[in-house]
Amino acid sequence: MIANQIAGLTGIPVAPTISVDYLVVAGGAGGGGGSTSYGAGAGGGAGGYLTSIGGSSITLTPATNYTVTIGGGGTAGAIGTKGSNGNNSVFYSYTSTAGGAGACAAGSAPNINGNNGGSGGGAFGTSGTIGTGSQGGNGAKSLSTGEGGGGGGAGGNGGTSNYPTPAGAGGVGLTNSITGSAVFYGGGGGGTSNVNAGGLGGTGGGGDGGAGSPSLTAGTAGTANLGGGGGGGNNTGSSASAGGAGGSGVVILRYPDTRTITIGAGLTGSESAASGGYKRATITAGTGNVSWS
């Protein structure tokens, strides 16, 4: 208040502020590939999820650059290899952590874990993985050999796999209405069972696990710009399939319709028309800066 009065007396204009809401989703992880030497792959974890919706908007300054990075999805695990983690997404000071890779069992190892991440990757064996704080759920363990657990999702843990029951599903994502419509983000990748269909990907872009029977199929990729984990690859004993790649992340920003955003070089995105008193910017790829006028 005093600073504003002084600025007014000296003729220095006081810059108004902007109230901005955000959704920041990281890239989902790749699912593990199946292995001809031991068993099926596990689902990749979803990208981490951060939002101000349901909480407090943040206050930003016009004509100021704010960093945005969109995390790509992790690569699919080839036959006999683990998937890879996704990549972090960033807006301003908010970083969503990449999803954790789904495991693959190779050789005769009894317990092979996925990676920790925004949501944890599924495991092969008897121990699961850990999500990051409130950003996502844990990856699931399998309860028997030959199975791969489901990757964690933004809204829940992955499902366990246990022969001869169906493979564990990927953890469910979370719904967000920042765009004006309710959309799920951050579904985990489905786990696998070498004698069953693969587990379903979690709602929110998670890829399905590959089938082992009646025919061998690869894991399905997570959905781009939803941060879904890729499904695990499978195994029939003599043959195996690759996992699915993770889905890329996204940053969505909501602000008063009296403002216009500039999406800088290096970023791919667009600004919506005004609706309900707001505009929204959806940024789908790249690294760069945004600012408002």
Protein backbone atom coordinates (compact mmCIF):
# COMPACT_ATOMS: atom_id res chain seq x y z
CA MET A 1 0.00 0.00 0.00
CA ILE A 2 2.73 2.47 0.98
CA ALA A 3 4.77 1.45 -2.08
CA ASN A 4 1.77 2.12 -4.33
CA GLN A 5 1.23 5.54 -2.77
CA ILE A 6 4.89 6.45 -3.26
CA ALA A 7 4.80 5.25 -6.85
CA GLY A 8 1.72 7.35 -7.47
CA LEU A 9 3.30 10.46 -5.98
CA THR A 10 6.44 10.06 -8.07
CA GLY A 11 4.52 9.37 -11.27
CA ILE A 12 5.91 5.82 -11.61
CA PRO A 13 3.14 3.54 -12.92
CA VAL A 14 2.26 0.56 -10.77
CA ALA A 15 2.17 -2.63 -12.85
CA PRO A 16 -1.06 -4.55 -12.31
CA THR A 17 -0.77 -8.24 -11.62
CA ILE A 18 -2.33 -11.28 -13.28
CA SER A 19 -4.06 -14.16 -11.52
CA VAL A 20 -3.10 -17.42 -13.26
CA ASP A 21 -4.15 -21.04 -12.74
CA TYR A 22 -1.97 -23.87 -13.98
CA LEU A 23 -1.88 -27.56 -14.76
CA VAL A 24 1.60 -29.07 -15.19
CA VAL A 25 1.85 -32.74 -16.23
CA ALA A 26 5.20 -34.44 -16.85
CA GLY A 27 5.98 -37.07 -19.47
CA GLY A 28 4.94 -40.62 -18.71
CA ALA A 29 7.45 -43.49 -18.66
CA GLY A 30 7.90 -46.32 -21.09
CA GLY A 31 6.68 -49.79 -20.21
CA GLY A 32 9.20 -52.62 -19.84
CA GLY A 33 9.64 -55.11 -22.66
CA GLY A 34 8.90 -58.78 -22.29
CA SER A 35 11.76 -61.26 -22.04
CA THR A 36 12.08 -64.66 -23.67
CA SER A 37 14.36 -65.74 -20.83
CA TYR A 38 12.15 -64.96 -17.89
CA GLY A 39 8.84 -63.14 -18.15
CA ALA A 40 6.58 -60.25 -18.99
CA GLY A 41 7.24 -56.52 -18.71
CA ALA A 42 5.64 -54.02 -16.32
CA GLY A 43 3.72 -50.80 -16.96
CA GLY A 44 5.35 -47.37 -16.95
CA GLY A 45 4.42 -44.77 -14.36
CA ALA A 46 2.46 -41.67 -15.34
CA GLY A 47 4.05 -38.25 -15.34
CA GLY A 48 3.78 -36.18 -12.17
CA TYR A 49 0.73 -33.93 -11.82
CA LEU A 50 0.59 -30.43 -10.28
CA THR A 51 -2.32 -27.99 -10.42
CA SER A 52 -3.72 -24.90 -8.75
CA ILE A 53 -7.30 -25.86 -9.65
CA GLY A 54 -9.12 -26.54 -6.40
CA GLY A 55 -6.52 -24.48 -4.56
CA SER A 56 -5.11 -20.96 -4.96
CA SER A 57 -4.23 -19.15 -8.16
CA ILE A 58 -0.76 -17.64 -8.45
CA THR A 59 -0.01 -13.95 -9.00
CA LEU A 60 2.27 -13.03 -11.89
CA THR A 61 3.50 -9.78 -13.45
CA PRO A 62 2.78 -8.64 -17.02
CA ALA A 63 5.61 -8.26 -19.53
CA THR A 64 7.71 -10.76 -17.56
CA ASN A 65 9.07 -14.00 -18.99
CA TYR A 66 8.13 -17.26 -17.27
CA THR A 67 9.79 -20.55 -18.22
CA VAL A 68 7.83 -23.46 -19.66
CA THR A 69 9.19 -26.92 -20.50
CA ILE A 70 7.09 -29.80 -21.78
CA GLY A 71 8.44 -33.22 -20.79
CA GLY A 72 8.54 -35.86 -23.49
CA GLY A 73 7.45 -39.42 -22.85
CA GLY A 74 9.94 -42.14 -22.02
CA THR A 75 11.04 -44.63 -24.64
CA ALA A 76 9.49 -48.08 -24.79
CA GLY A 77 11.42 -50.99 -23.35
CA ALA A 78 12.69 -53.24 -26.12
CA ILE A 79 12.51 -57.00 -25.72
CA GLY A 80 14.55 -57.87 -22.66
CA THR A 81 15.02 -54.28 -21.44
CA LYS A 82 13.44 -51.85 -19.01
CA GLY A 83 11.59 -48.81 -20.33
CA SER A 84 12.98 -45.32 -19.70
CA ASN A 85 11.72 -42.56 -17.45
CA GLY A 86 9.74 -39.72 -18.95
CA ASN A 87 10.94 -36.11 -18.69
CA ASN A 88 10.00 -33.33 -16.26
CA SER A 89 7.56 -30.57 -17.18
CA VAL A 90 8.03 -27.06 -15.77
CA PHE A 91 6.06 -23.84 -15.45
CA TYR A 92 7.67 -20.95 -13.55
CA SER A 93 8.74 -22.48 -10.20
CA TYR A 94 6.58 -25.59 -10.50
CA THR A 95 8.20 -28.84 -11.66
CA SER A 96 6.26 -32.03 -12.29
CA THR A 97 8.47 -35.09 -11.97
CA ALA A 98 8.85 -37.56 -14.84
CA GLY A 99 7.12 -40.92 -14.63
CA GLY A 100 9.21 -43.94 -13.51
CA ALA A 101 10.10 -46.66 -16.00
CA GLY A 102 8.41 -50.04 -16.02
CA ALA A 103 10.62 -53.05 -15.26
CA CYS A 104 11.63 -55.95 -17.45
CA ALA A 105 12.86 -59.27 -16.13
CA ALA A 106 15.81 -60.75 -17.96
CA GLY A 107 17.86 -63.81 -17.15
CA SER A 108 16.60 -65.45 -13.98
CA ALA A 109 16.44 -62.52 -11.55
CA PRO A 110 13.59 -63.03 -9.08
CA ASN A 111 13.00 -59.34 -8.32
CA ILE A 112 13.54 -56.48 -10.75
CA ASN A 113 12.08 -53.13 -9.86
CA GLY A 114 10.83 -50.34 -12.03
CA ASN A 115 11.99 -46.79 -11.36
CA ASN A 116 10.61 -44.28 -8.89
CA GLY A 117 9.15 -41.15 -10.46
CA GLY A 118 6.21 -38.75 -10.53
CA SER A 119 4.28 -42.01 -10.49
CA GLY A 120 6.29 -45.17 -9.95
CA GLY A 121 6.88 -47.77 -12.64
CA GLY A 122 5.56 -51.29 -12.30
CA ALA A 123 7.84 -54.01 -10.93
CA PHE A 124 8.67 -57.60 -11.78
CA GLY A 125 8.90 -59.58 -8.57
CA THR A 126 7.91 -58.71 -5.05
CA SER A 127 8.63 -55.01 -4.51
CA GLY A 128 6.95 -51.91 -5.90
CA THR A 129 8.14 -48.37 -6.62
CA ILE A 130 7.38 -44.99 -5.13
CA GLY A 131 5.62 -41.96 -6.57
CA THR A 132 6.74 -38.40 -5.75
CA GLY A 133 4.82 -36.92 -2.83
CA SER A 134 1.38 -35.81 -3.96
CA GLN A 135 2.27 -35.93 -7.67
CA GLY A 136 1.38 -39.56 -8.29
CA GLY A 137 0.87 -43.09 -7.04
CA ASN A 138 3.15 -46.07 -6.60
CA GLY A 139 4.01 -48.74 -9.13
CA ALA A 140 2.74 -52.20 -8.28
CA LYS A 141 4.64 -55.37 -7.59
CA SER A 142 3.81 -58.71 -9.09
CA LEU A 143 2.95 -61.58 -6.81
CA SER A 144 4.25 -64.36 -9.04
CA THR A 145 6.91 -65.00 -11.64
CA GLY A 146 6.08 -64.32 -15.25
CA GLU A 147 3.99 -61.23 -14.45
CA GLY A 148 4.60 -57.46 -14.50
CA GLY A 149 2.75 -54.99 -12.25
CA GLY A 150 0.87 -51.87 -13.36
CA GLY A 151 2.47 -48.42 -13.30
CA GLY A 152 1.21 -45.81 -10.86
CA GLY A 153 -1.16 -43.06 -11.96
CA ALA A 154 -1.68 -39.48 -10.83
CA GLY A 155 -4.72 -40.55 -8.83
CA GLY A 156 -3.84 -44.04 -7.61
CA ASN A 157 -1.40 -46.93 -7.38
CA GLY A 158 -0.91 -49.50 -10.10
CA GLY A 159 -2.57 -52.89 -9.81
CA THR A 160 -0.69 -56.05 -8.83
CA SER A 161 -0.33 -58.98 -11.21
CA ASN A 162 -0.62 -62.53 -9.95
CA TYR A 163 -0.85 -65.73 -11.99
CA PRO A 164 -3.38 -66.94 -13.07
CA THR A 165 -5.54 -63.88 -12.43
CA PRO A 166 -5.64 -61.06 -15.00
CA ALA A 167 -2.74 -58.63 -15.15
CA GLY A 168 -2.81 -55.50 -12.99
CA ALA A 169 -4.21 -52.31 -14.44
CA GLY A 170 -2.38 -49.00 -14.53
CA GLY A 171 -3.21 -46.52 -11.77
CA VAL A 172 -6.03 -44.10 -12.50
CA GLY A 173 -5.30 -40.50 -13.42
CA LEU A 174 -6.94 -37.35 -12.08
CA THR A 175 -9.63 -35.21 -13.68
CA ASN A 176 -9.12 -31.48 -14.20
CA SER A 177 -11.44 -28.82 -15.63
CA ILE A 178 -8.92 -26.05 -16.33
CA THR A 179 -9.86 -26.13 -20.04
CA GLY A 180 -13.56 -25.70 -19.23
CA SER A 181 -14.22 -29.42 -19.68
CA ALA A 182 -13.35 -32.29 -17.35
CA VAL A 183 -10.39 -34.29 -18.70
CA PHE A 184 -8.39 -37.08 -17.06
CA TYR A 185 -4.59 -36.81 -17.03
CA GLY A 186 -1.81 -39.10 -15.83
CA GLY A 187 -3.00 -42.68 -16.20
CA GLY A 188 -0.46 -45.44 -15.46
CA GLY A 189 0.57 -48.12 -17.94
CA GLY A 190 -1.03 -51.54 -17.66
CA GLY A 191 0.87 -54.57 -16.35
CA THR A 192 1.15 -57.96 -18.02
CA SER A 193 0.59 -61.66 -17.60
CA ASN A 194 2.06 -64.14 -20.03
CA VAL A 195 -1.04 -66.31 -20.07
CA ASN A 196 -3.65 -63.55 -20.13
CA ALA A 197 -4.61 -60.31 -21.78
CA GLY A 198 -2.62 -57.32 -20.61
CA GLY A 199 -3.87 -55.04 -17.86
CA LEU A 200 -5.80 -51.96 -18.94
CA GLY A 201 -4.08 -48.60 -18.90
CA GLY A 202 -5.28 -46.19 -16.24
CA THR A 203 -7.94 -43.65 -17.22
CA GLY A 204 -6.02 -40.57 -18.30
CA GLY A 205 -3.94 -41.81 -21.19
CA GLY A 206 -2.30 -44.94 -19.76
CA GLY A 207 -1.36 -47.56 -22.36
CA ASP A 208 -2.65 -51.12 -22.11
CA GLY A 209 -0.29 -53.96 -21.31
CA GLY A 210 0.46 -56.34 -24.16
CA ALA A 211 -1.26 -59.70 -24.36
CA GLY A 212 0.47 -63.02 -23.94
CA SER A 213 -2.50 -65.13 -24.97
CA PRO A 214 -4.21 -65.99 -27.28
CA SER A 215 -1.72 -64.01 -29.40
CA LEU A 216 1.36 -62.02 -28.46
CA THR A 217 1.01 -58.22 -28.67
CA ALA A 218 3.18 -55.28 -27.66
CA GLY A 219 2.34 -52.79 -24.95
CA THR A 220 0.36 -49.74 -26.03
CA ALA A 221 1.87 -46.25 -25.87
CA GLY A 222 0.61 -43.69 -23.39
CA THR A 223 -1.41 -40.84 -24.87
CA ALA A 224 0.46 -37.70 -25.93
CA ASN A 225 -0.15 -34.58 -23.79
CA LEU A 226 -1.88 -36.57 -21.07
CA GLY A 227 1.32 -37.88 -19.48
CA GLY A 228 0.20 -41.52 -19.55
CA GLY A 229 2.58 -44.42 -18.89
CA GLY A 230 3.21 -47.02 -21.57
CA GLY A 231 1.94 -50.57 -21.18
CA GLY A 232 4.33 -53.45 -20.55
CA GLY A 233 5.40 -55.91 -23.23
CA ASN A 234 4.62 -59.59 -22.86
CA ASN A 235 6.06 -63.09 -23.14
CA THR A 236 4.85 -66.47 -24.33
CA GLY A 237 7.88 -68.46 -23.24
CA SER A 238 9.58 -68.60 -26.63
CA SER A 239 8.64 -65.15 -27.91
CA ALA A 240 8.35 -61.69 -26.40
CA SER A 241 7.15 -58.21 -27.32
CA ALA A 242 8.25 -54.64 -26.59
CA GLY A 243 6.59 -52.28 -24.17
CA GLY A 244 4.79 -49.06 -25.09
CA ALA A 245 6.31 -45.58 -25.03
CA GLY A 246 5.19 -43.02 -22.47
CA GLY A 247 2.94 -40.12 -23.43
CA SER A 248 4.28 -36.55 -23.42
CA GLY A 249 3.22 -34.04 -20.82
CA VAL A 250 1.42 -30.70 -21.09
CA VAL A 251 1.17 -27.27 -19.47
CA ILE A 252 -2.22 -25.52 -19.46
CA LEU A 253 -2.64 -21.97 -18.14
CA ARG A 254 -5.89 -20.13 -17.37
CA TYR A 255 -6.07 -16.35 -16.93
CA PRO A 256 -8.55 -13.43 -17.27
CA ASP A 257 -9.87 -12.83 -20.78
CA THR A 258 -8.65 -9.23 -20.64
CA ARG A 259 -5.11 -10.61 -21.03
CA THR A 260 -3.24 -12.01 -24.03
CA ILE A 261 -0.39 -14.48 -23.75
CA THR A 262 2.75 -14.54 -25.90
CA ILE A 263 4.03 -18.07 -26.41
CA GLY A 264 7.71 -17.69 -27.16
CA ALA A 265 10.08 -19.33 -29.61
CA GLY A 266 10.81 -22.96 -28.87
CA LEU A 267 7.29 -23.72 -27.65
CA THR A 268 4.31 -25.21 -29.45
CA GLY A 269 0.97 -24.01 -28.13
CA SER A 270 -2.16 -21.97 -28.67
CA GLU A 271 -4.47 -19.57 -26.88
CA SER A 272 -8.20 -20.24 -26.76
CA ALA A 273 -10.97 -17.75 -27.40
CA ALA A 274 -12.45 -16.09 -24.34
CA SER A 275 -14.98 -18.23 -22.48
CA GLY A 276 -16.54 -17.81 -19.04
CA GLY A 277 -14.31 -14.83 -18.26
CA TYR A 278 -11.08 -16.67 -19.08
CA LYS A 279 -8.64 -17.55 -21.85
CA ARG A 280 -6.54 -20.71 -21.76
CA ALA A 281 -3.13 -21.43 -23.24
CA THR A 282 -2.33 -25.07 -23.97
CA ILE A 283 1.38 -25.75 -24.52
CA THR A 284 2.17 -29.15 -25.95
CA ALA A 285 5.90 -29.28 -26.75
CA GLY A 286 9.24 -27.55 -26.38
CA THR A 287 11.10 -25.26 -24.00
CA GLY A 288 10.85 -21.48 -23.91
CA ASN A 289 9.13 -18.54 -22.22
CA VAL A 290 5.63 -17.15 -21.96
CA SER A 291 4.54 -13.65 -20.99
CA TRP A 292 1.32 -11.67 -20.78
CA SER A 293 0.16 -8.27 -21.92
